């Protein structure tokens, strides 16, 4: 892919505005991106909370997870990493039959594994938030790969949505975003699963960021508005607020 083949971001934004009605409406739905100090201060409990929520949302109706979330808080000890890691194996087995949460054993034990992951990162960097701020801003693909390799069930959209909840600046490769990438000159496959495709997308995002000065997550959102269903803006605001805490 040559950079010159990419559609200018101003043109992409013009299309998004035409579909959504105004720039003000688009701005009302843009994800919150944390600045360095705020990102650094994210607690390990909030990191595990975000990981657990997105892991359980994958393959489930999000409304089911929302309805049971207070139960998740209670069962997983408000996501206190150290408390969970010192819990005996019997407690984790009991969680698998606890009606306060979704009783999916693999995902329950993924929370335990992710608590261990967060703990190990904290031992090296001081906290997971401090780890996030030192990551190269121009390598979100590397972050996606790292979460997939070191975390439990954090590959693909799950890890990407977790980062969005935490306020880390990165795109989400939703079907609409991938369709928009293809339609705007990026040579990627619709499945968007290969490292080659993700790196091609990363190059495109970097160019559009240089042109616009916008955060990567905002570019991602604008791209999504140029493809797929043209949902009403109030529906978008509702879904983002309900599922991503924004």
Protein backbone atom coordinates (compact mmCIF):
# COMPACT_ATOMS: atom_id res chain seq x y z
CA UNK A 1 0.00 0.00 0.00
CA UNK A 2 1.41 3.37 -0.96
CA UNK A 3 0.53 6.32 1.19
CA UNK A 4 -0.65 8.23 -1.85
CA UNK A 5 -3.37 5.60 -2.45
CA UNK A 6 -5.06 6.49 0.81
CA UNK A 7 -8.10 8.73 0.76
CA UNK A 8 -7.36 11.99 2.60
CA UNK A 9 -8.82 12.06 6.09
CA UNK A 10 -10.63 15.35 5.44
CA UNK A 11 -12.64 13.55 2.75
CA UNK A 12 -13.41 10.68 5.13
CA UNK A 13 -14.57 13.12 7.79
CA UNK A 14 -16.78 14.91 5.25
CA UNK A 15 -18.49 11.60 4.45
CA UNK A 16 -18.99 10.82 8.15
CA UNK A 17 -20.51 14.27 8.77
CA UNK A 18 -22.87 13.86 5.81
CA UNK A 19 -24.09 10.53 7.17
CA UNK A 20 -24.44 11.61 10.79
CA UNK A 21 -25.73 15.13 10.30
CA UNK A 22 -23.06 17.31 11.88
CA UNK A 23 -19.59 17.33 13.42
CA UNK A 24 -21.19 18.16 16.76
CA UNK A 25 -23.16 14.91 16.67
CA UNK A 26 -20.03 12.93 15.85
CA UNK A 27 -18.06 14.62 18.63
CA UNK A 28 -20.74 13.65 21.14
CA UNK A 29 -19.91 9.96 20.59
CA UNK A 30 -16.11 10.04 20.41
CA UNK A 31 -14.34 7.80 22.97
CA UNK A 32 -12.57 9.34 25.92
CA UNK A 33 -8.80 9.10 25.63
CA UNK A 34 -6.86 9.41 28.88
CA UNK A 35 -3.83 11.64 29.03
CA UNK A 36 -0.57 10.18 30.32
CA UNK A 37 -1.06 11.04 33.99
CA UNK A 38 -4.63 9.71 34.09
CA UNK A 39 -3.66 6.53 32.25
CA UNK A 40 -0.76 5.97 34.63
CA UNK A 41 -3.09 6.22 37.64
CA UNK A 42 -5.47 3.48 36.50
CA UNK A 43 -5.71 0.94 39.30
CA UNK A 44 -4.93 -2.70 38.68
CA UNK A 45 -8.45 -3.47 39.89
CA UNK A 46 -9.91 -1.31 37.13
CA UNK A 47 -7.69 -3.04 34.57
CA UNK A 48 -8.90 -6.48 35.70
CA UNK A 49 -12.48 -5.17 35.80
CA UNK A 50 -12.21 -4.06 32.16
CA UNK A 51 -10.58 -7.32 31.09
CA UNK A 52 -13.23 -9.39 32.83
CA UNK A 53 -16.11 -7.37 31.44
CA UNK A 54 -14.93 -7.60 27.84
CA UNK A 55 -14.03 -11.28 28.15
CA UNK A 56 -17.50 -12.12 29.43
CA UNK A 57 -19.20 -9.87 26.88
CA UNK A 58 -17.59 -11.81 24.03
CA UNK A 59 -20.20 -14.22 22.69
CA UNK A 60 -22.87 -13.14 25.19
CA UNK A 61 -25.63 -10.57 25.06
CA UNK A 62 -24.08 -7.54 26.71
CA UNK A 63 -27.36 -6.83 28.51
CA UNK A 64 -26.95 -10.13 30.40
CA UNK A 65 -23.52 -9.08 31.65
CA UNK A 66 -24.83 -5.61 32.54
CA UNK A 67 -27.71 -7.07 34.54
CA UNK A 68 -25.39 -9.33 36.54
CA UNK A 69 -22.52 -6.89 36.98
CA UNK A 70 -23.06 -6.25 40.68
CA UNK A 71 -22.77 -9.98 41.14
CA UNK A 72 -19.49 -9.98 39.24
CA UNK A 73 -18.20 -7.28 41.58
CA UNK A 74 -19.10 -9.35 44.63
CA UNK A 75 -17.89 -12.73 43.37
CA UNK A 76 -14.59 -11.38 42.05
CA UNK A 77 -13.92 -9.39 45.26
CA UNK A 78 -14.22 -6.05 43.48
CA UNK A 79 -11.33 -7.19 41.28
CA UNK A 80 -8.67 -6.87 43.94
CA UNK A 81 -5.77 -8.56 42.16
CA UNK A 82 -3.86 -9.63 45.27
CA UNK A 83 -6.97 -10.88 47.04
CA UNK A 84 -7.94 -13.00 44.05
CA UNK A 85 -4.47 -14.44 43.61
CA UNK A 86 -4.41 -15.57 47.25
CA UNK A 87 -7.83 -17.22 46.91
CA UNK A 88 -7.72 -21.02 47.21
CA UNK A 89 -8.49 -23.21 44.17
CA UNK A 90 -11.72 -24.32 45.84
CA UNK A 91 -13.08 -20.77 45.71
CA UNK A 92 -12.54 -20.60 41.95
CA UNK A 93 -14.34 -23.91 41.55
CA UNK A 94 -17.24 -22.56 43.59
CA UNK A 95 -17.46 -19.54 41.30
CA UNK A 96 -18.35 -21.86 38.42
CA UNK A 97 -21.69 -22.62 40.09
CA UNK A 98 -22.38 -19.14 41.49
CA UNK A 99 -25.64 -17.84 40.01
CA UNK A 100 -24.62 -14.23 40.64
CA UNK A 101 -22.39 -14.36 37.55
CA UNK A 102 -22.41 -16.04 34.15
CA UNK A 103 -21.27 -19.58 34.96
CA UNK A 104 -18.72 -20.08 32.22
CA UNK A 105 -15.72 -21.89 33.69
CA UNK A 106 -13.24 -20.95 30.99
CA UNK A 107 -14.02 -17.26 31.36
CA UNK A 108 -14.02 -17.45 35.15
CA UNK A 109 -10.54 -18.96 35.15
CA UNK A 110 -9.49 -16.38 32.55
CA UNK A 111 -10.10 -13.77 35.26
CA UNK A 112 -7.71 -15.64 37.53
CA UNK A 113 -5.12 -15.84 34.74
CA UNK A 114 -5.51 -12.16 33.94
CA UNK A 115 -5.07 -11.28 37.60
CA UNK A 116 -1.75 -13.12 37.44
CA UNK A 117 -0.89 -11.29 34.20
CA UNK A 118 -1.60 -7.91 35.78
CA UNK A 119 0.38 -8.83 38.89
CA UNK A 120 3.42 -9.82 36.83
CA UNK A 121 3.29 -6.60 34.83
CA UNK A 122 2.99 -4.66 38.09
CA UNK A 123 6.08 -6.37 39.44
CA UNK A 124 8.04 -5.16 36.43
CA UNK A 125 6.58 -1.69 35.85
CA UNK A 126 4.97 -0.73 39.15
CA UNK A 127 1.40 -1.06 37.86
CA UNK A 128 -0.43 -1.94 34.68
CA UNK A 129 -1.19 1.75 34.13
CA UNK A 130 2.50 2.59 34.22
CA UNK A 131 3.09 -0.18 31.71
CA UNK A 132 0.49 1.29 29.35
CA UNK A 133 2.03 4.77 29.33
CA UNK A 134 5.49 3.51 28.35
CA UNK A 135 4.17 1.62 25.32
CA UNK A 136 5.19 3.24 21.98
CA UNK A 137 2.27 5.34 20.76
CA UNK A 138 2.89 4.33 17.16
CA UNK A 139 2.63 0.58 17.80
CA UNK A 140 -0.93 -0.28 18.78
CA UNK A 141 -0.62 -3.50 16.79
CA UNK A 142 2.19 -4.54 19.12
CA UNK A 143 -0.08 -3.88 22.09
CA UNK A 144 -2.83 -6.00 20.53
CA UNK A 145 -0.36 -8.84 20.03
CA UNK A 146 0.99 -8.48 23.56
CA UNK A 147 -2.47 -8.75 25.12
CA UNK A 148 -3.23 -11.78 22.99
CA UNK A 149 0.03 -13.51 23.96
CA UNK A 150 0.26 -12.66 27.66
CA UNK A 151 -3.38 -12.25 28.61
CA UNK A 152 -6.18 -14.80 28.75
CA UNK A 153 -8.82 -14.55 26.03
CA UNK A 154 -7.71 -11.00 25.17
CA UNK A 155 -7.11 -11.46 21.46
CA UNK A 156 -9.00 -9.70 18.68
CA UNK A 157 -11.85 -7.35 19.49
CA UNK A 158 -11.88 -8.31 23.19
CA UNK A 159 -8.45 -6.84 23.86
CA UNK A 160 -9.18 -3.85 21.65
CA UNK A 161 -12.41 -3.04 23.52
CA UNK A 162 -10.64 -3.48 26.84
CA UNK A 163 -8.11 -0.84 25.84
CA UNK A 164 -10.95 1.46 24.76
CA UNK A 165 -12.59 1.15 28.18
CA UNK A 166 -9.28 1.94 29.88
CA UNK A 167 -8.81 5.07 27.77
CA UNK A 168 -5.74 3.79 25.90
CA UNK A 169 -5.60 5.34 22.44
CA UNK A 170 -6.07 2.63 19.82
CA UNK A 171 -8.61 1.71 17.15
CA UNK A 172 -11.13 -1.09 17.25
CA UNK A 173 -11.23 -3.20 14.10
CA UNK A 174 -15.01 -3.59 13.97
CA UNK A 175 -16.61 -4.81 10.75
CA UNK A 176 -17.53 -1.22 9.86
CA UNK A 177 -13.98 0.03 10.47
CA UNK A 178 -12.49 -2.77 8.37
CA UNK A 179 -14.97 -2.06 5.56
CA UNK A 180 -14.01 1.61 5.74
CA UNK A 181 -10.30 0.77 5.64
CA UNK A 182 -10.80 -1.27 2.48
CA UNK A 183 -13.03 1.38 0.93
CA UNK A 184 -10.50 4.12 1.62
CA UNK A 185 -7.47 2.51 0.05
CA UNK A 186 -6.00 0.16 2.68
CA UNK A 187 -5.04 -3.27 1.35
CA UNK A 188 -6.44 -5.57 4.05
CA UNK A 189 -8.65 -8.65 4.06
CA UNK A 190 -12.19 -8.43 5.50
CA UNK A 191 -11.33 -10.90 8.27
CA UNK A 192 -8.53 -8.62 9.49
CA UNK A 193 -6.79 -11.39 11.39
CA UNK A 194 -3.26 -11.46 9.97
CA UNK A 195 -0.38 -9.45 11.37
CA UNK A 196 0.30 -8.19 7.86
CA UNK A 197 -3.21 -6.71 7.62
CA UNK A 198 -3.01 -5.09 11.06
CA UNK A 199 0.33 -3.49 10.24
CA UNK A 200 -1.06 -2.15 6.97
CA UNK A 201 -3.92 -0.63 8.93
CA UNK A 202 -1.46 0.82 11.43
CA UNK A 203 0.41 2.62 8.67
CA UNK A 204 -2.88 4.08 7.40
CA UNK A 205 -3.94 5.21 10.86
CA UNK A 206 -0.57 6.88 11.38
CA UNK A 207 -0.93 8.85 8.15
CA UNK A 208 -4.48 9.93 8.98
CA UNK A 209 -3.32 10.95 12.44
CA UNK A 210 -0.56 13.08 10.95
CA UNK A 211 -3.12 14.74 8.66
CA UNK A 212 -5.80 15.32 11.31
CA UNK A 213 -4.02 15.51 14.66
CA UNK A 214 -6.82 13.35 16.10
CA UNK A 215 -6.43 10.44 18.52
CA UNK A 216 -6.40 7.01 16.90
CA UNK A 217 -9.64 6.03 18.62
CA UNK A 218 -11.39 9.09 17.18
CA UNK A 219 -10.15 8.26 13.70
CA UNK A 220 -11.48 4.74 14.22
CA UNK A 221 -14.89 6.06 15.23
CA UNK A 222 -15.07 8.44 12.27
CA UNK A 223 -14.15 5.61 9.91
CA UNK A 224 -16.93 3.46 11.34
CA UNK A 225 -19.47 6.15 10.48
CA UNK A 226 -18.60 5.95 6.78
CA UNK A 227 -19.58 2.28 6.40
CA UNK A 228 -22.31 -0.12 7.43
CA UNK A 229 -25.67 0.80 8.93
CA UNK A 230 -26.34 4.47 9.38
CA UNK A 231 -27.61 4.26 12.97
CA UNK A 232 -29.28 7.24 14.61
CA UNK A 233 -26.81 9.21 16.68
CA UNK A 234 -28.86 8.86 19.89
CA UNK A 235 -28.68 5.05 19.57
CA UNK A 236 -24.89 5.27 19.24
CA UNK A 237 -24.61 7.48 22.32
CA UNK A 238 -26.77 5.05 24.31
CA UNK A 239 -24.80 1.96 23.31
CA UNK A 240 -21.41 3.59 23.95
CA UNK A 241 -22.48 4.86 27.37
CA UNK A 242 -24.00 1.54 28.41
CA UNK A 243 -21.25 -0.78 27.29
CA UNK A 244 -18.08 1.29 27.53
CA UNK A 245 -18.80 3.59 30.44
CA UNK A 246 -18.42 6.73 28.30
